[in-house]
């Protein structure tokens, strides 16, 4: 199965880069996948996922209801019900996906969405906070096992 691991975020804004850090750690351990990073969403990313059967999205999330470093799992359908623009001048990845699906694009059918609870997404730093950084190795192993990546 042609698989793409897509790490979302910004690696110079502390915890915001956790999805990208995890994606590249997975790449070090798995050979039969492709890994990309993106700080943008919507149509700027949709072209990258065309042609893949499986898509694993990894991003940060700040709910304030979980401990930093906790892994959240979502279905793509959960996001399709709550589509929202990432900015007034752009559309979300989920909206772009919906549009391209209507256009019969060759989009992934197996999609997993993961988000890591974070605390700091505004400090200029290429490192995650300690709590989030400590969780990365375990999250990498969980994602490899859950998605049967090799």
C-alpha atoms as a PDB file:
ATOM      1  CA  UNK A   1       0.000   0.000   0.000  1.00  0.00           C
ATOM      2  CA  UNK A   2       1.496   3.332  -1.063  1.00  0.00           C
ATOM      3  CA  UNK A   3       1.705   5.337   2.174  1.00  0.00           C
ATOM      4  CA  UNK A   4       2.430   8.989   2.902  1.00  0.00           C
ATOM      5  CA  UNK A   5       3.229  10.278   6.381  1.00  0.00           C
ATOM      6  CA  UNK A   6       2.571  14.019   6.398  1.00  0.00           C
ATOM      7  CA  UNK A   7       3.916  16.048   9.300  1.00  0.00           C
ATOM      8  CA  UNK A   8       2.165  19.379   9.685  1.00  0.00           C
ATOM      9  CA  UNK A   9       3.368  22.442  11.556  1.00  0.00           C
ATOM     10  CA  UNK A  10       6.243  24.849  11.814  1.00  0.00           C
ATOM     11  CA  UNK A  11       9.565  23.609  13.193  1.00  0.00           C
ATOM     12  CA  UNK A  12      10.707  27.048  14.356  1.00  0.00           C
ATOM     13  CA  UNK A  13       7.721  27.539  16.675  1.00  0.00           C
ATOM     14  CA  UNK A  14       8.534  25.106  19.473  1.00  0.00           C
ATOM     15  CA  UNK A  15       5.758  22.488  19.898  1.00  0.00           C
ATOM     16  CA  UNK A  16       4.081  23.465  16.627  1.00  0.00           C
ATOM     17  CA  UNK A  17       6.717  21.365  14.836  1.00  0.00           C
ATOM     18  CA  UNK A  18       5.971  18.136  16.712  1.00  0.00           C
ATOM     19  CA  UNK A  19       4.125  16.575  13.761  1.00  0.00           C
ATOM     20  CA  UNK A  20       7.103  17.156  11.492  1.00  0.00           C
ATOM     21  CA  UNK A  21       9.578  15.842  14.078  1.00  0.00           C
ATOM     22  CA  UNK A  22       7.519  12.668  14.494  1.00  0.00           C
ATOM     23  CA  UNK A  23       7.164  12.177  10.734  1.00  0.00           C
ATOM     24  CA  UNK A  24      10.933  12.324  10.215  1.00  0.00           C
ATOM     25  CA  UNK A  25      11.587   9.959  13.133  1.00  0.00           C
ATOM     26  CA  UNK A  26       9.186   7.492  11.512  1.00  0.00           C
ATOM     27  CA  UNK A  27      11.076   7.885   8.235  1.00  0.00           C
ATOM     28  CA  UNK A  28      14.329   6.845   9.963  1.00  0.00           C
ATOM     29  CA  UNK A  29      12.710   3.559  11.047  1.00  0.00           C
ATOM     30  CA  UNK A  30      10.538   2.709   8.035  1.00  0.00           C
ATOM     31  CA  UNK A  31      11.599   2.197   4.458  1.00  0.00           C
ATOM     32  CA  UNK A  32       8.371   1.526   2.551  1.00  0.00           C
ATOM     33  CA  UNK A  33       6.764   4.922   3.104  1.00  0.00           C
ATOM     34  CA  UNK A  34       7.123   8.486   1.907  1.00  0.00           C
ATOM     35  CA  UNK A  35       7.398  11.362   4.365  1.00  0.00           C
ATOM     36  CA  UNK A  36       6.686  15.024   3.735  1.00  0.00           C
ATOM     37  CA  UNK A  37       6.379  18.109   5.878  1.00  0.00           C
ATOM     38  CA  UNK A  38       4.049  21.018   5.356  1.00  0.00           C
ATOM     39  CA  UNK A  39       3.483  24.298   7.106  1.00  0.00           C
ATOM     40  CA  UNK A  40       0.645  25.160   4.733  1.00  0.00           C
ATOM     41  CA  UNK A  41      -2.677  23.503   4.162  1.00  0.00           C
ATOM     42  CA  UNK A  42      -5.457  23.430   1.607  1.00  0.00           C
ATOM     43  CA  UNK A  43      -4.628  23.360  -2.066  1.00  0.00           C
ATOM     44  CA  UNK A  44      -0.934  23.918  -1.338  1.00  0.00           C
ATOM     45  CA  UNK A  45      -0.792  20.402   0.158  1.00  0.00           C
ATOM     46  CA  UNK A  46      -3.500  18.487  -1.697  1.00  0.00           C
ATOM     47  CA  UNK A  47      -1.320  17.826  -4.763  1.00  0.00           C
ATOM     48  CA  UNK A  48       1.193  16.071  -2.519  1.00  0.00           C
ATOM     49  CA  UNK A  49      -1.295  13.425  -1.366  1.00  0.00           C
ATOM     50  CA  UNK A  50      -2.748  12.507  -4.760  1.00  0.00           C
ATOM     51  CA  UNK A  51      -1.799   8.974  -5.755  1.00  0.00           C
ATOM     52  CA  UNK A  52      -1.375   7.616  -2.222  1.00  0.00           C
ATOM     53  CA  UNK A  53      -3.626   4.887  -0.854  1.00  0.00           C
ATOM     54  CA  UNK A  54      -2.903   5.627   2.807  1.00  0.00           C
ATOM     55  CA  UNK A  55      -2.346   9.003   4.456  1.00  0.00           C
ATOM     56  CA  UNK A  56      -1.150   9.533   8.006  1.00  0.00           C
ATOM     57  CA  UNK A  57      -1.456  13.164   9.127  1.00  0.00           C
ATOM     58  CA  UNK A  58       0.403  14.264  12.251  1.00  0.00           C
ATOM     59  CA  UNK A  59      -0.050  17.699  13.791  1.00  0.00           C
ATOM     60  CA  UNK A  60      -0.093  19.535  17.098  1.00  0.00           C
ATOM     61  CA  UNK A  61      -3.241  20.374  19.027  1.00  0.00           C
ATOM     62  CA  UNK A  62      -3.865  22.596  22.021  1.00  0.00           C
ATOM     63  CA  UNK A  63      -7.067  21.542  23.780  1.00  0.00           C
ATOM     64  CA  UNK A  64      -6.001  22.355  27.315  1.00  0.00           C
ATOM     65  CA  UNK A  65      -7.819  19.173  28.355  1.00  0.00           C
ATOM     66  CA  UNK A  66      -4.914  16.726  28.089  1.00  0.00           C
ATOM     67  CA  UNK A  67      -1.344  16.464  29.297  1.00  0.00           C
ATOM     68  CA  UNK A  68       1.400  17.783  26.995  1.00  0.00           C
ATOM     69  CA  UNK A  69       2.626  14.935  24.794  1.00  0.00           C
ATOM     70  CA  UNK A  70      -0.665  13.029  24.878  1.00  0.00           C
ATOM     71  CA  UNK A  71      -1.616  11.508  21.522  1.00  0.00           C
ATOM     72  CA  UNK A  72      -5.081  12.191  20.119  1.00  0.00           C
ATOM     73  CA  UNK A  73      -6.611  10.073  17.338  1.00  0.00           C
ATOM     74  CA  UNK A  74      -9.200  11.378  14.922  1.00  0.00           C
ATOM     75  CA  UNK A  75     -10.975  10.094  11.869  1.00  0.00           C
ATOM     76  CA  UNK A  76     -11.045  12.142   8.716  1.00  0.00           C
ATOM     77  CA  UNK A  77     -14.841  12.188   8.988  1.00  0.00           C
ATOM     78  CA  UNK A  78     -14.640  13.985  12.348  1.00  0.00           C
ATOM     79  CA  UNK A  79     -12.912  16.871  10.610  1.00  0.00           C
ATOM     80  CA  UNK A  80     -15.186  16.888   7.583  1.00  0.00           C
ATOM     81  CA  UNK A  81     -18.099  17.778   9.870  1.00  0.00           C
ATOM     82  CA  UNK A  82     -16.205  20.757  11.280  1.00  0.00           C
ATOM     83  CA  UNK A  83     -14.408  22.159   8.251  1.00  0.00           C
ATOM     84  CA  UNK A  84     -13.003  25.587   8.834  1.00  0.00           C
ATOM     85  CA  UNK A  85     -10.633  27.932   7.094  1.00  0.00           C
ATOM     86  CA  UNK A  86      -7.093  28.042   8.388  1.00  0.00           C
ATOM     87  CA  UNK A  87      -7.029  31.719   7.428  1.00  0.00           C
ATOM     88  CA  UNK A  88      -9.423  34.117   5.701  1.00  0.00           C
ATOM     89  CA  UNK A  89      -7.386  33.737   2.486  1.00  0.00           C
ATOM     90  CA  UNK A  90      -7.054  29.963   2.384  1.00  0.00           C
ATOM     91  CA  UNK A  91      -9.085  26.807   2.748  1.00  0.00           C
ATOM     92  CA  UNK A  92      -8.319  23.899   5.039  1.00  0.00           C
ATOM     93  CA  UNK A  93      -6.812  20.637   3.851  1.00  0.00           C
ATOM     94  CA  UNK A  94     -10.134  18.981   4.599  1.00  0.00           C
ATOM     95  CA  UNK A  95     -12.033  21.417   2.383  1.00  0.00           C
ATOM     96  CA  UNK A  96      -9.499  20.979  -0.416  1.00  0.00           C
ATOM     97  CA  UNK A  97      -9.804  17.200  -0.045  1.00  0.00           C
ATOM     98  CA  UNK A  98     -13.572  17.417  -0.369  1.00  0.00           C
ATOM     99  CA  UNK A  99     -13.325  19.540  -3.514  1.00  0.00           C
ATOM    100  CA  UNK A 100     -10.769  17.219  -5.132  1.00  0.00           C
ATOM    101  CA  UNK A 101     -12.836  14.176  -4.217  1.00  0.00           C
ATOM    102  CA  UNK A 102     -15.765  15.649  -6.146  1.00  0.00           C
ATOM    103  CA  UNK A 103     -13.357  16.098  -9.071  1.00  0.00           C
ATOM    104  CA  UNK A 104     -12.565  12.359  -8.872  1.00  0.00           C
ATOM    105  CA  UNK A 105      -8.892  12.877  -7.944  1.00  0.00           C
ATOM    106  CA  UNK A 106      -6.911   9.783  -6.911  1.00  0.00           C
ATOM    107  CA  UNK A 107      -6.985  10.519  -3.171  1.00  0.00           C
ATOM    108  CA  UNK A 108      -6.139   8.236  -0.255  1.00  0.00           C
ATOM    109  CA  UNK A 109      -8.984   6.112   1.060  1.00  0.00           C
ATOM    110  CA  UNK A 110      -7.245   5.082   4.285  1.00  0.00           C
ATOM    111  CA  UNK A 111      -6.650   8.239   6.304  1.00  0.00           C
ATOM    112  CA  UNK A 112      -5.541   8.517   9.915  1.00  0.00           C
ATOM    113  CA  UNK A 113      -5.273  11.845  11.714  1.00  0.00           C
ATOM    114  CA  UNK A 114      -3.107  12.175  14.812  1.00  0.00           C
ATOM    115  CA  UNK A 115      -2.481  15.222  16.966  1.00  0.00           C
ATOM    116  CA  UNK A 116      -0.139  15.660  19.900  1.00  0.00           C
ATOM    117  CA  UNK A 117      -1.239  17.827  22.809  1.00  0.00           C
ATOM    118  CA  UNK A 118       1.125  20.792  23.096  1.00  0.00           C
ATOM    119  CA  UNK A 119       1.598  23.863  25.237  1.00  0.00           C
ATOM    120  CA  UNK A 120       3.828  26.289  23.337  1.00  0.00           C
ATOM    121  CA  UNK A 121       3.282  27.131  19.673  1.00  0.00           C
ATOM    122  CA  UNK A 122       4.484  30.710  19.717  1.00  0.00           C
ATOM    123  CA  UNK A 123       8.055  30.681  21.083  1.00  0.00           C
ATOM    124  CA  UNK A 124      10.759  30.802  18.410  1.00  0.00           C
ATOM    125  CA  UNK A 125      12.599  27.541  19.015  1.00  0.00           C
ATOM    126  CA  UNK A 126      13.534  24.554  16.881  1.00  0.00           C
ATOM    127  CA  UNK A 127      12.963  22.307  19.910  1.00  0.00           C
ATOM    128  CA  UNK A 128       9.726  21.150  21.445  1.00  0.00           C
ATOM    129  CA  UNK A 129       9.061  21.740  25.125  1.00  0.00           C
ATOM    130  CA  UNK A 130      10.487  19.041  27.402  1.00  0.00           C
ATOM    131  CA  UNK A 131       7.166  17.265  27.999  1.00  0.00           C
ATOM    132  CA  UNK A 132       6.362  17.061  24.294  1.00  0.00           C
ATOM    133  CA  UNK A 133       9.924  16.113  23.290  1.00  0.00           C
ATOM    134  CA  UNK A 134       9.937  13.246  25.820  1.00  0.00           C
ATOM    135  CA  UNK A 135       6.747  11.836  24.280  1.00  0.00           C
ATOM    136  CA  UNK A 136       8.041  11.757  20.689  1.00  0.00           C
ATOM    137  CA  UNK A 137       9.878   8.376  20.779  1.00  0.00           C
ATOM    138  CA  UNK A 138       6.876   6.576  22.272  1.00  0.00           C
ATOM    139  CA  UNK A 139       4.470   8.220  19.808  1.00  0.00           C
ATOM    140  CA  UNK A 140       6.718   7.182  16.907  1.00  0.00           C
ATOM    141  CA  UNK A 141       6.559   3.553  18.057  1.00  0.00           C
ATOM    142  CA  UNK A 142       2.780   3.707  18.549  1.00  0.00           C
ATOM    143  CA  UNK A 143       2.210   5.114  15.063  1.00  0.00           C
ATOM    144  CA  UNK A 144       4.497   2.553  13.438  1.00  0.00           C
ATOM    145  CA  UNK A 145       2.693  -0.290  15.223  1.00  0.00           C
ATOM    146  CA  UNK A 146      -0.881   1.011  14.754  1.00  0.00           C
ATOM    147  CA  UNK A 147      -0.336   1.637  11.055  1.00  0.00           C
ATOM    148  CA  UNK A 148       1.762  -1.459  10.402  1.00  0.00           C
ATOM    149  CA  UNK A 149       4.566   0.591   8.877  1.00  0.00           C
ATOM    150  CA  UNK A 150       7.804  -1.106   7.892  1.00  0.00           C
END
